[in-house]
């Protein structure tokens, strides 16, 4: 559809920022005292937590009891499809459920093709590796990703760069997420290799570790990040057009 005269097409970054601000995470009030309930709500509430955790729990329970790869990956996939359908029928926001469905679907496809239960985790390793690379590149470009996201939340993309202390917060929060995701890879990849080598109980141990280092760890990291970046989000300084010479 053609834009009205005098208006320009929003840039990709502006569209992403608008999407973030329209999400539940974007509706968190930076001036309010952060609470676990508020952060849980931003992640989709108890329902979103169940939708994130249940497929992994089902895989662990079914594989541990039956040793049937196809059953252990198909049942979580069917449950994920049900979550998306439920949200669509209720005219809710199926974003979290749909994102989970994509991950579960790709993981299931890989495991079914190879016939190996441990290959159900390859997609997760791929995503984590990509995120680590994105975080590293953002730091090399002197645009730490958490600072960029904080700017998108407030529609002030350069707000985090207006003061030395706020730049330091953006860097430290980005390093925190880099450490969290790198730790997942450092711990789980050797477990995957042990499972691939046929170690007894390795697949079950890997599945349990993924659950523990998944949503609970991410919620803890999000909690710490929110506490760190509140000053960035509360920034009232007009966005700066030029990047400061120092970090």
C-alpha atoms as a PDB file:
ATOM      1  CA  UNK A   1       0.000   0.000   0.000  1.00  0.00           C
ATOM      2  CA  UNK A   2       1.361   3.441  -0.941  1.00  0.00           C
ATOM      3  CA  UNK A   3       2.491   5.734   1.866  1.00  0.00           C
ATOM      4  CA  UNK A   4       0.570   9.056   2.301  1.00  0.00           C
ATOM      5  CA  UNK A   5       2.381  12.114   0.889  1.00  0.00           C
ATOM      6  CA  UNK A   6       5.048  13.466   3.233  1.00  0.00           C
ATOM      7  CA  UNK A   7       5.435  10.210   5.146  1.00  0.00           C
ATOM      8  CA  UNK A   8       8.327   7.800   4.791  1.00  0.00           C
ATOM      9  CA  UNK A   9       8.472   4.048   5.116  1.00  0.00           C
ATOM     10  CA  UNK A  10       9.681   3.076   8.633  1.00  0.00           C
ATOM     11  CA  UNK A  11      13.151   1.554   8.649  1.00  0.00           C
ATOM     12  CA  UNK A  12      13.690  -2.063   9.670  1.00  0.00           C
ATOM     13  CA  UNK A  13      15.130  -0.985  13.049  1.00  0.00           C
ATOM     14  CA  UNK A  14      12.121   1.280  13.647  1.00  0.00           C
ATOM     15  CA  UNK A  15       9.739  -1.565  12.835  1.00  0.00           C
ATOM     16  CA  UNK A  16      11.588  -3.912  15.203  1.00  0.00           C
ATOM     17  CA  UNK A  17      11.561  -1.271  17.923  1.00  0.00           C
ATOM     18  CA  UNK A  18       7.833  -0.736  17.503  1.00  0.00           C
ATOM     19  CA  UNK A  19       7.237  -4.486  17.748  1.00  0.00           C
ATOM     20  CA  UNK A  20       9.285  -4.695  20.966  1.00  0.00           C
ATOM     21  CA  UNK A  21       7.491  -1.711  22.513  1.00  0.00           C
ATOM     22  CA  UNK A  22       4.151  -3.287  21.645  1.00  0.00           C
ATOM     23  CA  UNK A  23       5.078  -6.561  23.355  1.00  0.00           C
ATOM     24  CA  UNK A  24       4.506  -7.345  27.031  1.00  0.00           C
ATOM     25  CA  UNK A  25       8.209  -6.770  27.663  1.00  0.00           C
ATOM     26  CA  UNK A  26       7.879  -3.294  26.204  1.00  0.00           C
ATOM     27  CA  UNK A  27       5.054  -2.516  28.624  1.00  0.00           C
ATOM     28  CA  UNK A  28       7.225  -3.000  31.711  1.00  0.00           C
ATOM     29  CA  UNK A  29       7.344   0.304  33.591  1.00  0.00           C
ATOM     30  CA  UNK A  30      11.009   1.237  34.154  1.00  0.00           C
ATOM     31  CA  UNK A  31      10.043   3.592  36.992  1.00  0.00           C
ATOM     32  CA  UNK A  32       8.222   0.847  38.888  1.00  0.00           C
ATOM     33  CA  UNK A  33       9.824  -1.565  41.302  1.00  0.00           C
ATOM     34  CA  UNK A  34      10.645  -4.708  39.301  1.00  0.00           C
ATOM     35  CA  UNK A  35       8.994  -7.856  40.594  1.00  0.00           C
ATOM     36  CA  UNK A  36       9.262 -11.505  39.567  1.00  0.00           C
ATOM     37  CA  UNK A  37       5.568 -11.376  38.658  1.00  0.00           C
ATOM     38  CA  UNK A  38       6.093  -8.458  36.279  1.00  0.00           C
ATOM     39  CA  UNK A  39       8.968 -10.196  34.524  1.00  0.00           C
ATOM     40  CA  UNK A  40       7.061 -13.466  34.364  1.00  0.00           C
ATOM     41  CA  UNK A  41       4.153 -11.579  32.830  1.00  0.00           C
ATOM     42  CA  UNK A  42       6.476 -10.053  30.242  1.00  0.00           C
ATOM     43  CA  UNK A  43       7.529 -13.568  29.260  1.00  0.00           C
ATOM     44  CA  UNK A  44       3.921 -14.668  28.780  1.00  0.00           C
ATOM     45  CA  UNK A  45       2.921 -15.479  32.355  1.00  0.00           C
ATOM     46  CA  UNK A  46       2.443 -18.970  33.745  1.00  0.00           C
ATOM     47  CA  UNK A  47       0.880 -20.040  30.467  1.00  0.00           C
ATOM     48  CA  UNK A  48       3.928 -18.925  28.483  1.00  0.00           C
ATOM     49  CA  UNK A  49       6.179 -20.692  30.995  1.00  0.00           C
ATOM     50  CA  UNK A  50       4.219 -23.931  30.583  1.00  0.00           C
ATOM     51  CA  UNK A  51       4.337 -23.630  26.796  1.00  0.00           C
ATOM     52  CA  UNK A  52       8.112 -23.208  26.977  1.00  0.00           C
ATOM     53  CA  UNK A  53       8.859 -25.985  29.460  1.00  0.00           C
ATOM     54  CA  UNK A  54       6.319 -28.718  28.742  1.00  0.00           C
ATOM     55  CA  UNK A  55       7.743 -29.955  25.393  1.00  0.00           C
ATOM     56  CA  UNK A  56      11.157 -30.489  26.973  1.00  0.00           C
ATOM     57  CA  UNK A  57       9.662 -32.218  30.006  1.00  0.00           C
ATOM     58  CA  UNK A  58       7.643 -34.525  27.766  1.00  0.00           C
ATOM     59  CA  UNK A  59      10.704 -35.426  25.700  1.00  0.00           C
ATOM     60  CA  UNK A  60      12.670 -36.284  28.847  1.00  0.00           C
ATOM     61  CA  UNK A  61       9.860 -38.338  30.401  1.00  0.00           C
ATOM     62  CA  UNK A  62       8.915 -40.242  27.247  1.00  0.00           C
ATOM     63  CA  UNK A  63      12.462 -40.976  26.089  1.00  0.00           C
ATOM     64  CA  UNK A  64      13.549 -42.081  29.576  1.00  0.00           C
ATOM     65  CA  UNK A  65      10.645 -44.520  29.855  1.00  0.00           C
ATOM     66  CA  UNK A  66      10.295 -45.815  26.293  1.00  0.00           C
ATOM     67  CA  UNK A  67      13.645 -45.137  24.537  1.00  0.00           C
ATOM     68  CA  UNK A  68      11.548 -44.478  21.421  1.00  0.00           C
ATOM     69  CA  UNK A  69      12.938 -41.469  19.573  1.00  0.00           C
ATOM     70  CA  UNK A  70       9.923 -40.952  17.324  1.00  0.00           C
ATOM     71  CA  UNK A  71       7.480 -40.972  20.237  1.00  0.00           C
ATOM     72  CA  UNK A  72       9.657 -38.676  22.361  1.00  0.00           C
ATOM     73  CA  UNK A  73       9.860 -36.026  19.641  1.00  0.00           C
ATOM     74  CA  UNK A  74       6.404 -36.332  18.052  1.00  0.00           C
ATOM     75  CA  UNK A  75       4.388 -35.981  21.277  1.00  0.00           C
ATOM     76  CA  UNK A  76       6.024 -32.637  22.239  1.00  0.00           C
ATOM     77  CA  UNK A  77       5.505 -31.469  18.658  1.00  0.00           C
ATOM     78  CA  UNK A  78       1.787 -32.291  18.791  1.00  0.00           C
ATOM     79  CA  UNK A  79       1.504 -30.504  22.157  1.00  0.00           C
ATOM     80  CA  UNK A  80       3.227 -27.409  20.713  1.00  0.00           C
ATOM     81  CA  UNK A  81       0.807 -27.403  17.765  1.00  0.00           C
ATOM     82  CA  UNK A  82      -2.037 -27.584  20.291  1.00  0.00           C
ATOM     83  CA  UNK A  83      -0.674 -24.576  22.189  1.00  0.00           C
ATOM     84  CA  UNK A  84      -0.571 -22.480  19.007  1.00  0.00           C
ATOM     85  CA  UNK A  85      -4.055 -23.585  17.955  1.00  0.00           C
ATOM     86  CA  UNK A  86      -5.395 -22.797  21.431  1.00  0.00           C
ATOM     87  CA  UNK A  87      -4.034 -19.252  21.316  1.00  0.00           C
ATOM     88  CA  UNK A  88      -5.288 -18.651  17.787  1.00  0.00           C
ATOM     89  CA  UNK A  89      -8.790 -19.883  18.684  1.00  0.00           C
ATOM     90  CA  UNK A  90      -8.808 -17.588  21.718  1.00  0.00           C
ATOM     91  CA  UNK A  91      -7.566 -14.725  19.524  1.00  0.00           C
ATOM     92  CA  UNK A  92      -4.567 -14.396  21.779  1.00  0.00           C
ATOM     93  CA  UNK A  93      -0.952 -13.654  20.848  1.00  0.00           C
ATOM     94  CA  UNK A  94       0.560 -16.971  19.702  1.00  0.00           C
ATOM     95  CA  UNK A  95       4.074 -15.547  19.273  1.00  0.00           C
ATOM     96  CA  UNK A  96       5.710 -17.426  22.155  1.00  0.00           C
ATOM     97  CA  UNK A  97       3.883 -20.654  21.389  1.00  0.00           C
ATOM     98  CA  UNK A  98       4.639 -20.365  17.677  1.00  0.00           C
ATOM     99  CA  UNK A  99       8.318 -19.682  18.359  1.00  0.00           C
ATOM    100  CA  UNK A 100       8.396 -22.777  20.539  1.00  0.00           C
ATOM    101  CA  UNK A 101       6.621 -24.764  17.832  1.00  0.00           C
ATOM    102  CA  UNK A 102       9.252 -23.825  15.229  1.00  0.00           C
ATOM    103  CA  UNK A 103      12.060 -24.934  17.545  1.00  0.00           C
ATOM    104  CA  UNK A 104      10.334 -28.159  18.540  1.00  0.00           C
ATOM    105  CA  UNK A 105       9.457 -28.907  14.918  1.00  0.00           C
ATOM    106  CA  UNK A 106      12.992 -28.464  13.596  1.00  0.00           C
ATOM    107  CA  UNK A 107      14.468 -30.426  16.502  1.00  0.00           C
ATOM    108  CA  UNK A 108      11.982 -33.252  15.954  1.00  0.00           C
ATOM    109  CA  UNK A 109      12.708 -33.363  12.222  1.00  0.00           C
ATOM    110  CA  UNK A 110      16.457 -33.666  12.811  1.00  0.00           C
ATOM    111  CA  UNK A 111      16.021 -36.419  15.412  1.00  0.00           C
ATOM    112  CA  UNK A 112      13.574 -38.350  13.222  1.00  0.00           C
ATOM    113  CA  UNK A 113      15.898 -38.148  10.207  1.00  0.00           C
ATOM    114  CA  UNK A 114      18.939 -39.407  12.137  1.00  0.00           C
ATOM    115  CA  UNK A 115      17.052 -41.693  14.510  1.00  0.00           C
ATOM    116  CA  UNK A 116      19.194 -40.452  17.398  1.00  0.00           C
ATOM    117  CA  UNK A 117      17.584 -38.917  20.486  1.00  0.00           C
ATOM    118  CA  UNK A 118      20.564 -36.675  21.187  1.00  0.00           C
ATOM    119  CA  UNK A 119      20.132 -34.992  17.792  1.00  0.00           C
ATOM    120  CA  UNK A 120      16.951 -33.430  19.164  1.00  0.00           C
ATOM    121  CA  UNK A 121      19.281 -30.847  20.721  1.00  0.00           C
ATOM    122  CA  UNK A 122      21.285 -29.885  17.633  1.00  0.00           C
ATOM    123  CA  UNK A 123      18.936 -27.077  16.635  1.00  0.00           C
ATOM    124  CA  UNK A 124      19.245 -25.515  20.092  1.00  0.00           C
ATOM    125  CA  UNK A 125      23.024 -25.620  19.837  1.00  0.00           C
ATOM    126  CA  UNK A 126      22.809 -23.944  16.432  1.00  0.00           C
ATOM    127  CA  UNK A 127      20.584 -21.143  17.733  1.00  0.00           C
ATOM    128  CA  UNK A 128      22.785 -20.583  20.782  1.00  0.00           C
ATOM    129  CA  UNK A 129      25.880 -20.422  18.594  1.00  0.00           C
ATOM    130  CA  UNK A 130      24.227 -17.834  16.338  1.00  0.00           C
ATOM    131  CA  UNK A 131      23.214 -15.740  19.359  1.00  0.00           C
ATOM    132  CA  UNK A 132      26.770 -15.875  20.740  1.00  0.00           C
ATOM    133  CA  UNK A 133      28.093 -14.678  17.378  1.00  0.00           C
ATOM    134  CA  UNK A 134      25.507 -11.872  17.222  1.00  0.00           C
ATOM    135  CA  UNK A 135      26.451 -10.736  20.723  1.00  0.00           C
ATOM    136  CA  UNK A 136      30.153 -10.796  19.864  1.00  0.00           C
ATOM    137  CA  UNK A 137      29.623  -8.888  16.615  1.00  0.00           C
ATOM    138  CA  UNK A 138      27.493  -6.279  18.402  1.00  0.00           C
ATOM    139  CA  UNK A 139      30.339  -5.768  20.852  1.00  0.00           C
ATOM    140  CA  UNK A 140      32.969  -5.567  18.113  1.00  0.00           C
ATOM    141  CA  UNK A 141      30.827  -2.927  16.400  1.00  0.00           C
ATOM    142  CA  UNK A 142      30.544  -1.077  19.717  1.00  0.00           C
ATOM    143  CA  UNK A 143      26.785  -1.566  19.695  1.00  0.00           C
ATOM    144  CA  UNK A 144      26.249  -3.956  22.644  1.00  0.00           C
ATOM    145  CA  UNK A 145      22.997  -5.727  21.910  1.00  0.00           C
ATOM    146  CA  UNK A 146      21.327  -5.060  25.271  1.00  0.00           C
ATOM    147  CA  UNK A 147      21.879  -1.325  24.794  1.00  0.00           C
ATOM    148  CA  UNK A 148      20.364  -1.501  21.325  1.00  0.00           C
ATOM    149  CA  UNK A 149      17.324  -3.376  22.660  1.00  0.00           C
ATOM    150  CA  UNK A 150      16.955  -0.866  25.511  1.00  0.00           C
ATOM    151  CA  UNK A 151      16.958   1.907  22.922  1.00  0.00           C
ATOM    152  CA  UNK A 152      14.281   0.102  20.919  1.00  0.00           C
ATOM    153  CA  UNK A 153      12.125  -0.210  24.039  1.00  0.00           C
ATOM    154  CA  UNK A 154      12.115   3.553  24.546  1.00  0.00           C
ATOM    155  CA  UNK A 155      12.187   4.653  20.874  1.00  0.00           C
ATOM    156  CA  UNK A 156      15.490   6.378  21.753  1.00  0.00           C
ATOM    157  CA  UNK A 157      18.052   4.196  19.984  1.00  0.00           C
ATOM    158  CA  UNK A 158      21.022   6.224  21.252  1.00  0.00           C
ATOM    159  CA  UNK A 159      19.844   6.845  24.818  1.00  0.00           C
ATOM    160  CA  UNK A 160      22.171   4.218  26.268  1.00  0.00           C
ATOM    161  CA  UNK A 161      25.182   6.081  24.827  1.00  0.00           C
ATOM    162  CA  UNK A 162      24.486   9.452  26.463  1.00  0.00           C
ATOM    163  CA  UNK A 163      26.448   8.781  29.668  1.00  0.00           C
ATOM    164  CA  UNK A 164      29.507   6.732  30.581  1.00  0.00           C
ATOM    165  CA  UNK A 165      27.658   4.842  33.340  1.00  0.00           C
ATOM    166  CA  UNK A 166      24.838   3.871  30.987  1.00  0.00           C
ATOM    167  CA  UNK A 167      27.257   2.690  28.333  1.00  0.00           C
ATOM    168  CA  UNK A 168      28.953   0.553  30.985  1.00  0.00           C
ATOM    169  CA  UNK A 169      25.572  -0.967  31.930  1.00  0.00           C
ATOM    170  CA  UNK A 170      24.838  -1.838  28.297  1.00  0.00           C
ATOM    171  CA  UNK A 171      28.216  -3.516  27.951  1.00  0.00           C
ATOM    172  CA  UNK A 172      27.969  -5.463  31.201  1.00  0.00           C
ATOM    173  CA  UNK A 173      24.437  -6.660  30.498  1.00  0.00           C
ATOM    174  CA  UNK A 174      25.483  -7.840  27.034  1.00  0.00           C
ATOM    175  CA  UNK A 175      28.470  -9.654  28.538  1.00  0.00           C
ATOM    176  CA  UNK A 176      26.099 -11.276  31.050  1.00  0.00           C
ATOM    177  CA  UNK A 177      23.980 -12.769  28.245  1.00  0.00           C
ATOM    178  CA  UNK A 178      27.084 -13.826  26.374  1.00  0.00           C
ATOM    179  CA  UNK A 179      28.287 -15.667  29.493  1.00  0.00           C
ATOM    180  CA  UNK A 180      24.889 -17.315  30.068  1.00  0.00           C
ATOM    181  CA  UNK A 181      24.527 -18.657  26.533  1.00  0.00           C
ATOM    182  CA  UNK A 182      28.193 -19.599  26.208  1.00  0.00           C
ATOM    183  CA  UNK A 183      27.888 -21.539  29.471  1.00  0.00           C
ATOM    184  CA  UNK A 184      24.970 -23.502  28.020  1.00  0.00           C
ATOM    185  CA  UNK A 185      27.111 -24.510  25.065  1.00  0.00           C
ATOM    186  CA  UNK A 186      30.185 -25.250  27.191  1.00  0.00           C
ATOM    187  CA  UNK A 187      28.225 -27.614  29.429  1.00  0.00           C
ATOM    188  CA  UNK A 188      25.758 -29.183  27.017  1.00  0.00           C
ATOM    189  CA  UNK A 189      27.896 -29.785  23.920  1.00  0.00           C
ATOM    190  CA  UNK A 190      30.265 -32.197  25.773  1.00  0.00           C
ATOM    191  CA  UNK A 191      27.166 -33.974  27.104  1.00  0.00           C
ATOM    192  CA  UNK A 192      25.848 -34.261  23.552  1.00  0.00           C
ATOM    193  CA  UNK A 193      29.167 -35.725  22.411  1.00  0.00           C
ATOM    194  CA  UNK A 194      29.007 -38.246  25.267  1.00  0.00           C
ATOM    195  CA  UNK A 195      25.467 -39.205  24.230  1.00  0.00           C
ATOM    196  CA  UNK A 196      26.577 -39.491  20.613  1.00  0.00           C
ATOM    197  CA  UNK A 197      29.322 -41.844  21.761  1.00  0.00           C
ATOM    198  CA  UNK A 198      26.702 -44.068  23.405  1.00  0.00           C
ATOM    199  CA  UNK A 199      27.233 -43.198  27.070  1.00  0.00           C
ATOM    200  CA  UNK A 200      24.446 -44.670  29.192  1.00  0.00           C
ATOM    201  CA  UNK A 201      21.910 -42.124  30.407  1.00  0.00           C
ATOM    202  CA  UNK A 202      23.627 -39.272  28.567  1.00  0.00           C
ATOM    203  CA  UNK A 203      20.553 -38.275  26.538  1.00  0.00           C
ATOM    204  CA  UNK A 204      18.396 -38.068  29.649  1.00  0.00           C
ATOM    205  CA  UNK A 205      21.080 -36.079  31.477  1.00  0.00           C
ATOM    206  CA  UNK A 206      21.353 -33.701  28.542  1.00  0.00           C
ATOM    207  CA  UNK A 207      17.577 -33.214  28.418  1.00  0.00           C
ATOM    208  CA  UNK A 208      17.435 -32.479  32.155  1.00  0.00           C
ATOM    209  CA  UNK A 209      20.354 -30.058  31.936  1.00  0.00           C
ATOM    210  CA  UNK A 210      18.737 -28.238  29.040  1.00  0.00           C
ATOM    211  CA  UNK A 211      15.571 -27.760  31.109  1.00  0.00           C
ATOM    212  CA  UNK A 212      17.487 -26.422  34.117  1.00  0.00           C
ATOM    213  CA  UNK A 213      19.648 -24.135  31.963  1.00  0.00           C
ATOM    214  CA  UNK A 214      16.702 -23.047  29.832  1.00  0.00           C
ATOM    215  CA  UNK A 215      13.762 -20.902  30.940  1.00  0.00           C
ATOM    216  CA  UNK A 216      14.747 -20.729  34.661  1.00  0.00           C
ATOM    217  CA  UNK A 217      18.235 -19.498  33.798  1.00  0.00           C
ATOM    218  CA  UNK A 218      16.884 -17.065  31.200  1.00  0.00           C
ATOM    219  CA  UNK A 219      14.375 -15.644  33.690  1.00  0.00           C
ATOM    220  CA  UNK A 220      17.186 -15.123  36.211  1.00  0.00           C
ATOM    221  CA  UNK A 221      19.331 -13.419  33.566  1.00  0.00           C
ATOM    222  CA  UNK A 222      16.370 -11.271  32.486  1.00  0.00           C
ATOM    223  CA  UNK A 223      15.770 -10.268  36.102  1.00  0.00           C
ATOM    224  CA  UNK A 224      19.396  -9.154  36.558  1.00  0.00           C
ATOM    225  CA  UNK A 225      19.398  -7.421  33.174  1.00  0.00           C
ATOM    226  CA  UNK A 226      16.215  -5.519  33.995  1.00  0.00           C
ATOM    227  CA  UNK A 227      17.744  -4.277  37.244  1.00  0.00           C
ATOM    228  CA  UNK A 228      20.868  -3.194  35.335  1.00  0.00           C
ATOM    229  CA  UNK A 229      19.229  -1.379  32.423  1.00  0.00           C
ATOM    230  CA  UNK A 230      16.499   0.493  34.307  1.00  0.00           C
ATOM    231  CA  UNK A 231      18.650   3.620  34.263  1.00  0.00           C
ATOM    232  CA  UNK A 232      18.978   3.325  30.495  1.00  0.00           C
ATOM    233  CA  UNK A 233      15.228   2.969  30.052  1.00  0.00           C
ATOM    234  CA  UNK A 234      14.553   5.909  32.376  1.00  0.00           C
ATOM    235  CA  UNK A 235      16.786   8.171  30.282  1.00  0.00           C
ATOM    236  CA  UNK A 236      15.123  11.492  29.447  1.00  0.00           C
ATOM    237  CA  UNK A 237      17.979  12.858  27.369  1.00  0.00           C
ATOM    238  CA  UNK A 238      17.091  13.411  23.681  1.00  0.00           C
ATOM    239  CA  UNK A 239      18.579  10.810  21.372  1.00  0.00           C
ATOM    240  CA  UNK A 240      22.067  11.754  20.218  1.00  0.00           C
ATOM    241  CA  UNK A 241      22.888  11.728  16.541  1.00  0.00           C
ATOM    242  CA  UNK A 242      26.613  11.198  17.037  1.00  0.00           C
ATOM    243  CA  UNK A 243      28.278   8.315  18.795  1.00  0.00           C
ATOM    244  CA  UNK A 244      30.513   9.346  21.736  1.00  0.00           C
ATOM    245  CA  UNK A 245      34.188   8.701  21.216  1.00  0.00           C
ATOM    246  CA  UNK A 246      34.425   6.439  24.285  1.00  0.00           C
ATOM    247  CA  UNK A 247      32.488   3.362  25.212  1.00  0.00           C
END
